[in-house]
């Protein structure tokens, strides 16, 4: 089995299409351990964009009011934004979130949540994203804005 290292976007697109071959890899880890633990799935990906989903359940993801915990929605948005930004990373580059702000619009119970991330503004080092989280009834549950810093050279090593 030979190692075929792919750019992140190509790797994720092939993964979604079910066409990854033995030996296909990328320089970032997919699926991520946190997404595997929580059951977050990548469902769409493009250059600088991504959509992820989770089957949210109050029995598993609930807070003291028996609604979906806001922290889960933050993680869902962060997963979408991180996936979107990873498609822009070349080997030897990495990134770090530098802020994340969420506005909650309505409660969430048992539902499929879909988070779609896209850049608002992209610079050489800092990219600003928006991410909308929607319930399976089509209503917005929350909106997130986040800034991500691209790390290169020594700053990217070990990340």
N, C-alpha and C. Protein backbone atom coordinates (compact mmCIF):
# COMPACT_ATOMS: atom_id res chain seq x y z
N UNK A 1 0.85 -1.18 0.00
CA UNK A 1 0.00 0.00 0.00
C UNK A 1 0.89 1.24 0.00
N UNK A 2 0.76 2.07 -1.01
CA UNK A 2 1.55 3.29 -1.08
C UNK A 2 0.79 4.43 -0.42
N UNK A 3 1.53 5.41 0.06
CA UNK A 3 0.94 6.57 0.72
C UNK A 3 0.70 7.65 -0.33
N UNK A 4 -0.54 8.08 -0.47
CA UNK A 4 -0.92 9.11 -1.42
C UNK A 4 -1.44 10.30 -0.62
N UNK A 5 -0.56 11.27 -0.36
CA UNK A 5 -0.94 12.42 0.46
C UNK A 5 -1.68 13.43 -0.40
N UNK A 6 -2.93 13.73 0.00
CA UNK A 6 -3.80 14.63 -0.74
C UNK A 6 -3.97 15.95 -0.01
N UNK A 7 -4.27 17.04 -0.73
CA UNK A 7 -4.69 18.26 -0.05
C UNK A 7 -5.97 17.97 0.75
N UNK A 8 -6.19 18.71 1.84
CA UNK A 8 -7.34 18.46 2.72
C UNK A 8 -8.65 18.48 1.94
N UNK A 9 -8.87 19.49 1.11
CA UNK A 9 -10.13 19.59 0.38
C UNK A 9 -10.36 18.35 -0.48
N UNK A 10 -9.37 17.93 -1.23
CA UNK A 10 -9.53 16.74 -2.08
C UNK A 10 -9.79 15.50 -1.24
N UNK A 11 -9.07 15.37 -0.13
CA UNK A 11 -9.26 14.22 0.77
C UNK A 11 -10.70 14.18 1.29
N UNK A 12 -11.20 15.33 1.76
CA UNK A 12 -12.56 15.36 2.31
C UNK A 12 -13.62 15.14 1.22
N UNK A 13 -13.41 15.70 0.04
CA UNK A 13 -14.35 15.48 -1.06
C UNK A 13 -14.40 14.01 -1.45
N UNK A 14 -13.23 13.37 -1.51
CA UNK A 14 -13.20 11.94 -1.84
C UNK A 14 -13.85 11.12 -0.73
N UNK A 15 -13.63 11.52 0.51
CA UNK A 15 -14.24 10.82 1.64
C UNK A 15 -15.77 10.91 1.55
N UNK A 16 -16.30 12.10 1.28
CA UNK A 16 -17.75 12.27 1.15
C UNK A 16 -18.31 11.48 -0.03
N UNK A 17 -17.55 11.39 -1.10
CA UNK A 17 -18.00 10.68 -2.29
C UNK A 17 -17.81 9.16 -2.16
N UNK A 18 -17.11 8.73 -1.11
CA UNK A 18 -16.83 7.31 -0.93
C UNK A 18 -15.79 6.77 -1.88
N UNK A 19 -14.88 7.66 -2.35
CA UNK A 19 -13.88 7.23 -3.34
C UNK A 19 -12.45 7.26 -2.81
N UNK A 20 -12.28 7.35 -1.48
CA UNK A 20 -10.92 7.26 -0.93
C UNK A 20 -10.35 5.89 -1.24
N UNK A 21 -9.10 5.87 -1.61
CA UNK A 21 -8.40 4.62 -1.90
C UNK A 21 -7.51 4.26 -0.70
N UNK A 22 -7.16 2.99 -0.57
CA UNK A 22 -6.20 2.59 0.45
C UNK A 22 -4.93 3.41 0.25
N UNK A 23 -4.43 3.98 1.32
CA UNK A 23 -3.22 4.78 1.25
C UNK A 23 -3.47 6.26 1.07
N UNK A 24 -4.70 6.68 0.77
CA UNK A 24 -5.01 8.11 0.68
C UNK A 24 -4.96 8.71 2.08
N UNK A 25 -4.19 9.77 2.23
CA UNK A 25 -4.06 10.46 3.51
C UNK A 25 -4.05 11.96 3.24
N UNK A 26 -4.06 12.72 4.32
CA UNK A 26 -3.87 14.16 4.25
C UNK A 26 -3.05 14.56 5.46
N UNK A 27 -2.57 15.80 5.49
CA UNK A 27 -1.69 16.21 6.58
C UNK A 27 -2.45 16.61 7.85
N UNK A 28 -3.77 16.62 7.82
CA UNK A 28 -4.57 16.89 9.01
C UNK A 28 -5.38 15.64 9.33
N UNK A 29 -5.83 15.53 10.58
CA UNK A 29 -6.52 14.34 11.04
C UNK A 29 -8.03 14.45 10.80
N UNK A 30 -8.55 13.53 9.98
CA UNK A 30 -10.00 13.43 9.73
C UNK A 30 -10.39 11.97 9.73
N UNK A 31 -11.49 11.61 10.38
CA UNK A 31 -12.30 12.48 11.22
C UNK A 31 -11.56 12.83 12.50
N UNK A 32 -11.90 13.97 13.09
CA UNK A 32 -11.24 14.39 14.33
C UNK A 32 -11.78 13.55 15.49
N UNK A 33 -10.95 13.35 16.52
CA UNK A 33 -11.43 12.58 17.68
C UNK A 33 -12.67 13.20 18.34
N UNK A 34 -12.75 14.52 18.46
CA UNK A 34 -13.92 15.14 19.10
C UNK A 34 -15.18 14.92 18.26
N UNK A 35 -15.04 15.00 16.95
CA UNK A 35 -16.20 14.75 16.09
C UNK A 35 -16.64 13.30 16.18
N UNK A 36 -15.69 12.38 16.26
CA UNK A 36 -16.05 10.97 16.42
C UNK A 36 -16.76 10.74 17.75
N UNK A 37 -16.25 11.36 18.81
CA UNK A 37 -16.85 11.21 20.13
C UNK A 37 -18.28 11.72 20.17
N UNK A 38 -18.52 12.89 19.57
CA UNK A 38 -19.84 13.52 19.61
C UNK A 38 -20.77 13.07 18.49
N UNK A 39 -20.24 12.43 17.46
CA UNK A 39 -21.07 12.01 16.33
C UNK A 39 -21.30 13.11 15.31
N UNK A 40 -20.36 14.05 15.19
CA UNK A 40 -20.47 15.13 14.20
C UNK A 40 -19.98 14.60 12.86
N UNK A 41 -20.79 14.83 11.82
CA UNK A 41 -20.48 14.35 10.47
C UNK A 41 -20.28 15.52 9.51
N UNK A 42 -19.27 15.43 8.68
CA UNK A 42 -19.11 16.40 7.59
C UNK A 42 -20.06 15.95 6.47
N UNK A 43 -20.90 16.89 5.98
CA UNK A 43 -21.85 16.52 4.93
C UNK A 43 -21.62 17.29 3.64
N UNK A 44 -20.94 18.43 3.70
CA UNK A 44 -20.58 19.20 2.51
C UNK A 44 -19.28 19.92 2.78
N UNK A 45 -18.47 20.07 1.74
CA UNK A 45 -17.21 20.79 1.89
C UNK A 45 -16.84 21.43 0.56
N UNK A 46 -16.29 22.63 0.64
CA UNK A 46 -15.79 23.34 -0.53
C UNK A 46 -14.58 24.14 -0.10
N UNK A 47 -13.99 24.88 -1.01
CA UNK A 47 -12.83 25.69 -0.68
C UNK A 47 -13.24 26.78 0.31
N UNK A 48 -12.85 26.61 1.58
CA UNK A 48 -13.14 27.59 2.62
C UNK A 48 -14.54 27.50 3.20
N UNK A 49 -15.28 26.46 2.85
CA UNK A 49 -16.65 26.30 3.38
C UNK A 49 -16.85 24.86 3.86
N UNK A 50 -17.78 24.69 4.79
CA UNK A 50 -18.10 23.33 5.25
C UNK A 50 -19.45 23.33 5.94
N UNK A 51 -20.12 22.19 5.84
CA UNK A 51 -21.35 21.94 6.57
C UNK A 51 -21.20 20.63 7.33
N UNK A 52 -21.56 20.68 8.61
CA UNK A 52 -21.52 19.49 9.46
C UNK A 52 -22.88 19.29 10.11
N UNK A 53 -23.14 18.06 10.53
CA UNK A 53 -24.41 17.73 11.17
C UNK A 53 -24.17 16.89 12.42
N UNK A 54 -25.16 16.95 13.30
CA UNK A 54 -25.19 16.06 14.47
C UNK A 54 -26.64 15.74 14.78
N UNK A 55 -26.90 14.52 15.22
CA UNK A 55 -28.22 14.14 15.71
C UNK A 55 -28.23 14.47 17.20
N UNK A 56 -28.81 15.60 17.53
CA UNK A 56 -28.80 16.09 18.91
C UNK A 56 -29.95 15.47 19.70
N UNK A 57 -29.64 15.03 20.90
CA UNK A 57 -30.63 14.40 21.77
C UNK A 57 -30.49 14.94 23.18
N UNK A 58 -31.58 15.40 23.79
CA UNK A 58 -31.51 15.87 25.17
C UNK A 58 -30.99 14.79 26.14
N UNK A 59 -31.23 13.51 25.82
CA UNK A 59 -30.74 12.43 26.67
C UNK A 59 -29.22 12.35 26.69
N UNK A 60 -28.60 12.74 25.60
CA UNK A 60 -27.14 12.68 25.49
C UNK A 60 -26.49 14.05 25.58
N UNK A 61 -27.12 15.07 25.05
CA UNK A 61 -26.52 16.41 24.93
C UNK A 61 -27.29 17.47 25.71
N UNK A 62 -28.15 17.06 26.63
CA UNK A 62 -29.04 18.00 27.32
C UNK A 62 -28.40 18.75 28.47
N UNK A 63 -29.02 19.87 28.79
CA UNK A 63 -28.64 20.65 29.95
C UNK A 63 -29.69 20.43 31.05
N UNK A 64 -29.65 21.25 32.10
CA UNK A 64 -30.58 21.07 33.21
C UNK A 64 -32.03 21.40 32.86
N UNK A 65 -32.28 22.08 31.74
CA UNK A 65 -33.65 22.35 31.29
C UNK A 65 -34.15 21.31 30.28
N UNK A 66 -33.33 20.29 30.03
CA UNK A 66 -33.65 19.23 29.07
C UNK A 66 -33.69 19.73 27.63
N UNK A 67 -32.98 20.83 27.36
CA UNK A 67 -32.76 21.26 25.97
C UNK A 67 -31.30 20.98 25.64
N UNK A 68 -30.95 21.10 24.36
CA UNK A 68 -29.58 20.84 23.93
C UNK A 68 -28.67 21.91 24.51
N UNK A 69 -27.57 21.46 25.09
CA UNK A 69 -26.60 22.36 25.72
C UNK A 69 -25.97 23.30 24.69
N UNK A 70 -25.87 24.57 25.03
CA UNK A 70 -25.27 25.55 24.13
C UNK A 70 -23.83 25.24 23.78
N UNK A 71 -23.12 24.58 24.68
CA UNK A 71 -21.73 24.20 24.40
C UNK A 71 -21.63 23.22 23.25
N UNK A 72 -22.64 22.37 23.09
CA UNK A 72 -22.64 21.44 21.96
C UNK A 72 -22.78 22.23 20.66
N UNK A 73 -23.63 23.25 20.66
CA UNK A 73 -23.78 24.06 19.45
C UNK A 73 -22.50 24.84 19.15
N UNK A 74 -21.81 25.30 20.20
CA UNK A 74 -20.51 25.95 19.98
C UNK A 74 -19.52 24.99 19.33
N UNK A 75 -19.48 23.76 19.83
CA UNK A 75 -18.56 22.76 19.26
C UNK A 75 -18.95 22.42 17.83
N UNK A 76 -20.24 22.33 17.56
CA UNK A 76 -20.70 22.04 16.20
C UNK A 76 -20.25 23.14 15.25
N UNK A 77 -20.43 24.39 15.64
CA UNK A 77 -19.99 25.51 14.81
C UNK A 77 -18.48 25.52 14.66
N UNK A 78 -17.76 25.26 15.75
CA UNK A 78 -16.29 25.23 15.69
C UNK A 78 -15.81 24.13 14.76
N UNK A 79 -16.51 23.00 14.75
CA UNK A 79 -16.15 21.91 13.84
C UNK A 79 -16.37 22.32 12.39
N UNK A 80 -17.48 23.00 12.11
CA UNK A 80 -17.74 23.47 10.75
C UNK A 80 -16.70 24.49 10.32
N UNK A 81 -16.40 25.45 11.20
CA UNK A 81 -15.43 26.50 10.87
C UNK A 81 -14.04 25.91 10.71
N UNK A 82 -13.67 25.01 11.63
CA UNK A 82 -12.35 24.37 11.52
C UNK A 82 -12.21 23.55 10.25
N UNK A 83 -13.26 22.83 9.89
CA UNK A 83 -13.23 22.06 8.64
C UNK A 83 -13.11 23.00 7.45
N UNK A 84 -13.89 24.07 7.45
CA UNK A 84 -13.83 25.04 6.35
C UNK A 84 -12.42 25.60 6.22
N UNK A 85 -11.83 26.01 7.33
CA UNK A 85 -10.50 26.63 7.26
C UNK A 85 -9.42 25.61 6.89
N UNK A 86 -9.60 24.36 7.33
CA UNK A 86 -8.58 23.35 7.01
C UNK A 86 -8.46 23.12 5.51
N UNK A 87 -9.53 23.39 4.75
CA UNK A 87 -9.45 23.20 3.30
C UNK A 87 -8.52 24.21 2.64
N UNK A 88 -8.15 25.25 3.37
CA UNK A 88 -7.26 26.29 2.84
C UNK A 88 -5.80 26.04 3.22
N UNK A 89 -5.54 25.04 4.07
CA UNK A 89 -4.21 24.82 4.61
C UNK A 89 -3.36 23.92 3.72
N UNK A 90 -2.16 24.41 3.43
CA UNK A 90 -1.18 23.59 2.73
C UNK A 90 -0.40 22.79 3.78
N UNK A 91 0.28 21.76 3.33
CA UNK A 91 1.11 21.00 4.26
C UNK A 91 2.14 21.95 4.88
N UNK A 92 2.34 21.83 6.19
CA UNK A 92 3.25 22.72 6.91
C UNK A 92 2.54 23.94 7.49
N UNK A 93 1.24 24.10 7.19
CA UNK A 93 0.44 25.18 7.76
C UNK A 93 -0.56 24.58 8.75
N UNK A 94 -0.95 25.38 9.71
CA UNK A 94 -1.96 24.99 10.66
C UNK A 94 -2.79 26.22 10.99
N UNK A 95 -3.66 26.13 11.99
CA UNK A 95 -4.49 27.28 12.34
C UNK A 95 -4.96 27.17 13.77
N UNK A 96 -5.42 28.29 14.29
CA UNK A 96 -5.97 28.34 15.64
C UNK A 96 -7.13 29.33 15.67
N UNK A 97 -8.21 28.93 16.33
CA UNK A 97 -9.31 29.86 16.56
C UNK A 97 -8.85 30.91 17.57
N UNK A 98 -9.19 32.17 17.31
CA UNK A 98 -8.80 33.21 18.26
C UNK A 98 -10.00 33.84 18.95
N UNK A 99 -11.19 33.60 18.44
CA UNK A 99 -12.41 33.99 19.16
C UNK A 99 -13.60 33.26 18.56
N UNK A 100 -14.67 33.23 19.33
CA UNK A 100 -15.90 32.61 18.88
C UNK A 100 -17.03 33.24 19.69
N UNK A 101 -18.03 33.76 19.00
CA UNK A 101 -19.19 34.37 19.66
C UNK A 101 -20.44 33.73 19.08
N UNK A 102 -21.33 33.31 19.99
CA UNK A 102 -22.56 32.65 19.56
C UNK A 102 -23.77 33.43 20.06
N UNK A 103 -24.77 33.53 19.20
CA UNK A 103 -26.07 34.08 19.56
C UNK A 103 -27.09 32.95 19.42
N UNK A 104 -27.80 32.66 20.51
CA UNK A 104 -28.83 31.62 20.50
C UNK A 104 -30.18 32.26 20.19
N UNK A 105 -30.95 31.67 19.29
CA UNK A 105 -32.23 32.23 18.87
C UNK A 105 -33.44 31.49 19.43
N UNK A 106 -33.33 30.19 19.56
CA UNK A 106 -34.47 29.42 20.04
C UNK A 106 -33.95 28.13 20.64
N UNK A 107 -34.75 27.50 21.51
CA UNK A 107 -34.31 26.26 22.14
C UNK A 107 -34.25 25.11 21.13
N UNK A 108 -33.49 24.12 21.50
CA UNK A 108 -33.31 22.95 20.65
C UNK A 108 -33.57 21.72 21.51
N UNK A 109 -34.40 20.80 20.98
CA UNK A 109 -34.64 19.51 21.61
C UNK A 109 -34.08 18.45 20.66
N UNK A 110 -34.67 17.29 20.62
CA UNK A 110 -34.20 16.23 19.73
C UNK A 110 -34.38 16.67 18.28
N UNK A 111 -33.27 16.78 17.56
CA UNK A 111 -33.29 17.25 16.17
C UNK A 111 -31.95 16.96 15.52
N UNK A 112 -31.94 17.02 14.21
CA UNK A 112 -30.67 17.03 13.48
C UNK A 112 -30.27 18.50 13.36
N UNK A 113 -29.11 18.85 13.89
CA UNK A 113 -28.59 20.20 13.75
C UNK A 113 -27.60 20.23 12.59
N UNK A 114 -27.69 21.28 11.79
CA UNK A 114 -26.80 21.47 10.63
C UNK A 114 -26.12 22.81 10.80
N UNK A 115 -24.79 22.79 10.76
CA UNK A 115 -24.00 24.02 10.88
C UNK A 115 -23.24 24.25 9.58
N UNK A 116 -23.43 25.43 8.99
CA UNK A 116 -22.78 25.79 7.73
C UNK A 116 -21.87 26.99 7.95
N UNK A 117 -20.59 26.80 7.67
CA UNK A 117 -19.59 27.84 7.87
C UNK A 117 -19.10 28.37 6.53
N UNK A 118 -18.93 29.70 6.48
CA UNK A 118 -18.35 30.32 5.28
C UNK A 118 -17.60 31.58 5.71
N UNK A 119 -16.57 31.92 4.96
CA UNK A 119 -15.79 33.11 5.32
C UNK A 119 -16.55 34.40 5.02
N UNK A 120 -16.39 35.37 5.90
CA UNK A 120 -16.91 36.72 5.68
C UNK A 120 -15.83 37.56 5.02
N UNK A 121 -14.59 37.38 5.53
CA UNK A 121 -13.44 38.13 5.04
C UNK A 121 -12.21 37.26 5.25
N UNK A 122 -11.38 37.15 4.22
CA UNK A 122 -10.18 36.33 4.30
C UNK A 122 -8.96 37.19 4.06
N UNK A 123 -8.04 37.16 5.01
CA UNK A 123 -6.76 37.83 4.86
C UNK A 123 -5.64 36.81 4.81
N UNK A 124 -4.42 37.28 4.74
CA UNK A 124 -3.28 36.37 4.69
C UNK A 124 -3.15 35.57 5.99
N UNK A 125 -3.44 36.20 7.13
CA UNK A 125 -3.26 35.54 8.42
C UNK A 125 -4.58 35.30 9.15
N UNK A 126 -5.51 36.25 9.09
CA UNK A 126 -6.77 36.14 9.84
C UNK A 126 -7.93 36.01 8.85
N UNK A 127 -8.80 35.05 9.13
CA UNK A 127 -10.03 34.87 8.36
C UNK A 127 -11.20 34.92 9.34
N UNK A 128 -12.22 35.67 8.97
CA UNK A 128 -13.43 35.80 9.78
C UNK A 128 -14.52 34.95 9.14
N UNK A 129 -15.19 34.14 9.99
CA UNK A 129 -16.22 33.23 9.52
C UNK A 129 -17.56 33.55 10.16
N UNK A 130 -18.61 33.17 9.46
CA UNK A 130 -19.94 33.10 10.02
C UNK A 130 -20.41 31.66 9.88
N UNK A 131 -21.21 31.25 10.85
CA UNK A 131 -21.73 29.88 10.83
C UNK A 131 -23.16 29.91 11.34
N UNK A 132 -24.07 29.41 10.52
CA UNK A 132 -25.47 29.34 10.91
C UNK A 132 -25.80 27.91 11.32
N UNK A 133 -26.43 27.76 12.48
CA UNK A 133 -26.86 26.46 12.97
C UNK A 133 -28.38 26.40 12.84
N UNK A 134 -28.86 25.40 12.11
CA UNK A 134 -30.28 25.28 11.78
C UNK A 134 -30.81 23.95 12.30
N UNK A 135 -32.03 23.99 12.87
CA UNK A 135 -32.72 22.77 13.30
C UNK A 135 -33.28 22.05 12.07
N UNK A 136 -33.75 20.83 12.26
CA UNK A 136 -34.28 20.09 11.10
C UNK A 136 -35.62 20.63 10.61
N UNK A 137 -36.24 21.56 11.36
CA UNK A 137 -37.46 22.21 10.86
C UNK A 137 -37.13 23.45 10.02
N UNK A 138 -35.84 23.70 9.79
CA UNK A 138 -35.40 24.82 8.96
C UNK A 138 -35.23 26.12 9.71
N UNK A 139 -35.55 26.15 11.00
CA UNK A 139 -35.43 27.38 11.78
C UNK A 139 -34.03 27.52 12.36
N UNK A 140 -33.53 28.75 12.34
CA UNK A 140 -32.20 29.03 12.89
C UNK A 140 -32.21 28.84 14.40
N UNK A 141 -31.27 28.07 14.90
CA UNK A 141 -31.10 27.88 16.34
C UNK A 141 -30.06 28.84 16.90
N UNK A 142 -29.03 29.14 16.10
CA UNK A 142 -27.95 30.02 16.56
C UNK A 142 -27.13 30.49 15.37
N UNK A 143 -26.43 31.59 15.58
CA UNK A 143 -25.45 32.08 14.61
C UNK A 143 -24.15 32.33 15.36
N UNK A 144 -23.06 31.96 14.71
CA UNK A 144 -21.73 32.08 15.30
C UNK A 144 -20.86 32.93 14.39
N UNK A 145 -20.03 33.78 14.99
CA UNK A 145 -18.95 34.42 14.24
C UNK A 145 -17.65 34.04 14.93
N UNK A 146 -16.62 33.84 14.15
CA UNK A 146 -15.35 33.39 14.69
C UNK A 146 -14.21 33.90 13.82
N UNK A 147 -13.08 34.12 14.45
CA UNK A 147 -11.85 34.51 13.74
C UNK A 147 -10.85 33.39 13.89
N UNK A 148 -10.17 33.08 12.79
CA UNK A 148 -9.20 32.00 12.77
C UNK A 148 -7.87 32.55 12.25
N UNK A 149 -6.78 32.21 12.94
CA UNK A 149 -5.45 32.65 12.54
C UNK A 149 -4.71 31.49 11.87
N UNK A 150 -4.19 31.72 10.68
CA UNK A 150 -3.36 30.74 9.98
C UNK A 150 -1.95 30.82 10.54
N UNK A 151 -1.38 29.65 10.82
CA UNK A 151 -0.04 29.55 11.37
C UNK A 151 0.88 28.93 10.31
N UNK A 152 2.03 29.54 10.14
CA UNK A 152 2.99 29.06 9.14
C UNK A 152 4.37 28.94 9.79
N UNK A 153 5.23 28.16 9.13
CA UNK A 153 6.61 28.03 9.60
C UNK A 153 6.69 27.50 11.00
N UNK A 154 7.55 28.11 11.82
CA UNK A 154 7.76 27.65 13.20
C UNK A 154 6.47 27.68 14.01
N UNK A 155 5.60 28.63 13.75
CA UNK A 155 4.35 28.76 14.51
C UNK A 155 3.41 27.57 14.27
N UNK A 156 3.56 26.90 13.14
CA UNK A 156 2.69 25.77 12.81
C UNK A 156 3.25 24.44 13.30
N UNK A 157 4.51 24.40 13.67
CA UNK A 157 5.14 23.14 14.04
C UNK A 157 4.51 22.56 15.30
N UNK A 158 4.25 21.27 15.28
CA UNK A 158 3.70 20.58 16.43
C UNK A 158 2.21 20.75 16.62
N UNK A 159 1.54 21.37 15.67
CA UNK A 159 0.08 21.58 15.80
C UNK A 159 -0.65 20.69 14.83
